[in-house]
C-alpha atoms as a PDB file:
ATOM      1  CA  MET A   1     106.930 -59.575 -55.433  1.00  0.00           C
ATOM      2  CA  SER A   2     107.923 -62.965 -54.026  1.00  0.00           C
ATOM      3  CA  MET A   3     106.044 -66.235 -54.527  1.00  0.00           C
ATOM      4  CA  ARG A   4     105.507 -68.865 -51.838  1.00  0.00           C
ATOM      5  CA  LEU A   5     105.500 -72.494 -52.962  1.00  0.00           C
ATOM      6  CA  TYR A   6     104.141 -75.622 -51.317  1.00  0.00           C
ATOM      7  CA  VAL A   7     106.450 -78.628 -51.707  1.00  0.00           C
ATOM      8  CA  GLY A   8     104.862 -81.973 -50.851  1.00  0.00           C
ATOM      9  CA  ASN A   9     105.668 -85.685 -50.917  1.00  0.00           C
ATOM     10  CA  LEU A  10     109.127 -85.093 -49.452  1.00  0.00           C
ATOM     11  CA  ALA A  11     111.207 -87.929 -48.057  1.00  0.00           C
ATOM     12  CA  PHE A  12     111.366 -87.620 -44.261  1.00  0.00           C
ATOM     13  CA  GLN A  13     115.162 -87.177 -44.304  1.00  0.00           C
ATOM     14  CA  THR A  14     114.956 -84.094 -46.596  1.00  0.00           C
ATOM     15  CA  THR A  15     116.200 -80.964 -44.807  1.00  0.00           C
ATOM     16  CA  SER A  16     115.411 -77.282 -45.262  1.00  0.00           C
ATOM     17  CA  GLU A  17     118.942 -76.863 -46.625  1.00  0.00           C
ATOM     18  CA  ASP A  18     118.267 -79.595 -49.223  1.00  0.00           C
ATOM     19  CA  LEU A  19     115.197 -77.644 -50.372  1.00  0.00           C
ATOM     20  CA  ARG A  20     117.133 -74.371 -50.518  1.00  0.00           C
ATOM     21  CA  GLU A  21     119.885 -75.986 -52.573  1.00  0.00           C
ATOM     22  CA  LEU A  22     117.463 -77.654 -55.003  1.00  0.00           C
ATOM     23  CA  PHE A  23     115.228 -74.622 -55.577  1.00  0.00           C
ATOM     24  CA  SER A  24     118.177 -72.254 -55.987  1.00  0.00           C
ATOM     25  CA  GLN A  25     118.549 -73.856 -59.430  1.00  0.00           C
ATOM     26  CA  ALA A  26     115.377 -71.937 -60.405  1.00  0.00           C
ATOM     27  CA  GLY A  27     116.357 -68.585 -58.879  1.00  0.00           C
ATOM     28  CA  THR A  28     116.835 -66.791 -55.587  1.00  0.00           C
ATOM     29  CA  VAL A  29     115.386 -68.607 -52.582  1.00  0.00           C
ATOM     30  CA  GLU A  30     114.220 -66.240 -49.830  1.00  0.00           C
ATOM     31  CA  THR A  31     113.267 -68.981 -47.350  1.00  0.00           C
ATOM     32  CA  ALA A  32     113.021 -72.783 -47.328  1.00  0.00           C
ATOM     33  CA  ASN A  33     111.346 -74.602 -44.441  1.00  0.00           C
ATOM     34  CA  ILE A  34     110.420 -78.212 -43.770  1.00  0.00           C
ATOM     35  CA  ILE A  35     107.335 -78.500 -41.555  1.00  0.00           C
ATOM     36  CA  GLU A  36     107.958 -80.644 -38.489  1.00  0.00           C
ATOM     37  CA  ASP A  37     105.616 -82.483 -36.152  1.00  0.00           C
ATOM     38  CA  TYR A  38     105.019 -80.448 -33.006  1.00  0.00           C
ATOM     39  CA  ASP A  39     105.532 -83.360 -30.607  1.00  0.00           C
ATOM     40  CA  THR A  40     108.290 -85.426 -32.256  1.00  0.00           C
ATOM     41  CA  GLY A  41     110.216 -82.835 -34.296  1.00  0.00           C
ATOM     42  CA  ARG A  42     110.183 -85.206 -37.300  1.00  0.00           C
ATOM     43  CA  SER A  43     109.442 -83.991 -40.806  1.00  0.00           C
ATOM     44  CA  ARG A  44     105.777 -84.129 -41.813  1.00  0.00           C
ATOM     45  CA  GLY A  45     106.771 -84.710 -45.456  1.00  0.00           C
ATOM     46  CA  PHE A  46     106.105 -81.219 -46.783  1.00  0.00           C
ATOM     47  CA  GLY A  47     107.504 -77.727 -46.661  1.00  0.00           C
ATOM     48  CA  PHE A  48     107.446 -74.247 -48.141  1.00  0.00           C
ATOM     49  CA  VAL A  49     109.888 -72.368 -50.335  1.00  0.00           C
ATOM     50  CA  GLU A  50     109.651 -68.648 -50.979  1.00  0.00           C
ATOM     51  CA  MET A  51     111.163 -67.550 -54.270  1.00  0.00           C
ATOM     52  CA  SER A  52     112.192 -63.897 -54.711  1.00  0.00           C
ATOM     53  CA  SER A  53     109.833 -63.295 -57.670  1.00  0.00           C
ATOM     54  CA  ARG A  54     106.695 -64.717 -59.222  1.00  0.00           C
ATOM     55  CA  GLU A  55     108.645 -65.523 -62.400  1.00  0.00           C
ATOM     56  CA  GLU A  56     111.198 -67.592 -60.472  1.00  0.00           C
ATOM     57  CA  GLY A  57     108.359 -69.311 -58.609  1.00  0.00           C
ATOM     58  CA  GLU A  58     106.690 -70.315 -61.851  1.00  0.00           C
ATOM     59  CA  ILE A  59     110.021 -71.591 -63.208  1.00  0.00           C
ATOM     60  CA  ALA A  60     110.494 -73.643 -60.018  1.00  0.00           C
ATOM     61  CA  ILE A  61     107.024 -75.188 -60.385  1.00  0.00           C
ATOM     62  CA  GLU A  62     107.813 -76.182 -63.972  1.00  0.00           C
ATOM     63  CA  MET A  63     111.223 -77.563 -63.020  1.00  0.00           C
ATOM     64  CA  PHE A  64     110.327 -79.501 -59.876  1.00  0.00           C
ATOM     65  CA  ASP A  65     106.649 -80.538 -59.925  1.00  0.00           C
ATOM     66  CA  GLY A  66     106.766 -84.291 -60.498  1.00  0.00           C
ATOM     67  CA  ARG A  67     110.577 -84.455 -60.275  1.00  0.00           C
ATOM     68  CA  GLU A  68     112.046 -87.297 -58.263  1.00  0.00           C
ATOM     69  CA  LEU A  69     113.963 -86.451 -55.101  1.00  0.00           C
ATOM     70  CA  SER A  70     115.160 -89.206 -52.742  1.00  0.00           C
ATOM     71  CA  GLY A  71     112.928 -91.743 -54.478  1.00  0.00           C
ATOM     72  CA  ARG A  72     109.741 -89.653 -54.247  1.00  0.00           C
ATOM     73  CA  ASN A  73     107.969 -87.547 -56.887  1.00  0.00           C
ATOM     74  CA  LEU A  74     107.651 -83.991 -55.588  1.00  0.00           C
ATOM     75  CA  LYS A  75     104.379 -82.084 -55.632  1.00  0.00           C
ATOM     76  CA  VAL A  76     105.091 -78.374 -56.145  1.00  0.00           C
ATOM     77  CA  ASN A  77     102.505 -75.609 -56.536  1.00  0.00           C
ATOM     78  CA  GLU A  78     101.751 -72.107 -55.354  1.00  0.00           C
ATOM     79  CA  ALA A  79     100.979 -72.137 -51.644  1.00  0.00           C
ATOM     80  CA  ARG A  80      97.500 -71.097 -50.598  1.00  0.00           C
ATOM     81  CA  PRO A  81      97.241 -68.176 -48.188  1.00  0.00           C
ATOM     82  CA  ARG A  82      97.567 -69.235 -44.570  1.00  0.00           C
ATOM     83  CA  VAL A  83      94.235 -69.526 -42.778  1.00  0.00           C
ATOM     84  CA  GLU A  84      94.153 -68.827 -39.056  1.00  0.00           C
ATOM     85  CA  ARG A  85      92.387 -71.693 -37.350  1.00  0.00           C
ATOM     86  CA  SER A  86      90.484 -71.482 -34.092  1.00  0.00           C
ATOM     87  CA  GLY A  87      89.756 -74.281 -31.681  1.00  0.00           C
ATOM     88  CA  GLY A  88      91.076 -77.816 -31.945  1.00  0.00           C
ATOM     89  CA  GLY A  89      94.769 -78.157 -31.123  1.00  0.00           C
ATOM     90  CA  ASP A  90      94.487 -76.876 -27.522  1.00  0.00           C
ATOM     91  CA  ARG A  91      97.323 -78.802 -25.908  1.00  0.00           C
ATOM     92  CA  SER A  92      96.625 -77.521 -22.396  1.00  0.00           C
ATOM     93  CA  ARG A  93      94.092 -80.334 -21.870  1.00  0.00           C
ATOM     94  CA  SER A  94      96.680 -83.057 -22.414  1.00  0.00           C
ATOM     95  CA  SER A  95      97.761 -82.891 -18.761  1.00  0.00           C
ATOM     96  CA  GLY A  96      95.477 -85.752 -17.823  1.00  0.00           C
ATOM     97  CA  SER A  97      92.310 -83.760 -17.218  1.00  0.00           C
ATOM     98  CA  LYS A  98      89.719 -85.356 -19.435  1.00  0.00           C
ATOM     99  CA  GLN A  99      86.184 -84.113 -19.728  1.00  0.00           C
ATOM    100  CA  ARG A 100      83.755 -86.767 -18.558  1.00  0.00           C
ATOM    101  CA  PHE A 101      80.253 -87.140 -19.897  1.00  0.00           C
ATOM    102  CA  ASN A 102      77.346 -88.405 -17.837  1.00  0.00           C
ATOM    103  CA  ARG A 103      75.918 -91.131 -20.020  1.00  0.00           C
ATOM    104  CA  GLY A 104      73.257 -92.244 -17.607  1.00  0.00           C
ATOM    105  CA  PRO A 105      72.781 -95.721 -16.169  1.00  0.00           C
ATOM    106  CA  ARG A 106      74.114 -98.755 -18.008  1.00  0.00           C
ATOM    107  CA  TRP A 107      71.376-101.390 -18.071  1.00  0.00           C
END
């Protein structure tokens, strides 16, 4: 069974390939992804690595949590299960239509 890892405090120039290369030192990397900002496409400073087994994931945590990469100390731990979020983030309202509130008279 594979293990998904959260990797935080990444330098903004770190790529998914950099993560794959680094974590392959601990075992087989299934996937490595840097999370990017929706609007700008720039790195958000964290990502996820999926190791092929729990044992390799635990080795990777030991090897890389606190290790320096590009001048930053990595934060590596087991990723929490993804939670589906509702509301917020509705980008369809960004087309200039703002909800107006009637605040009453200004005296």
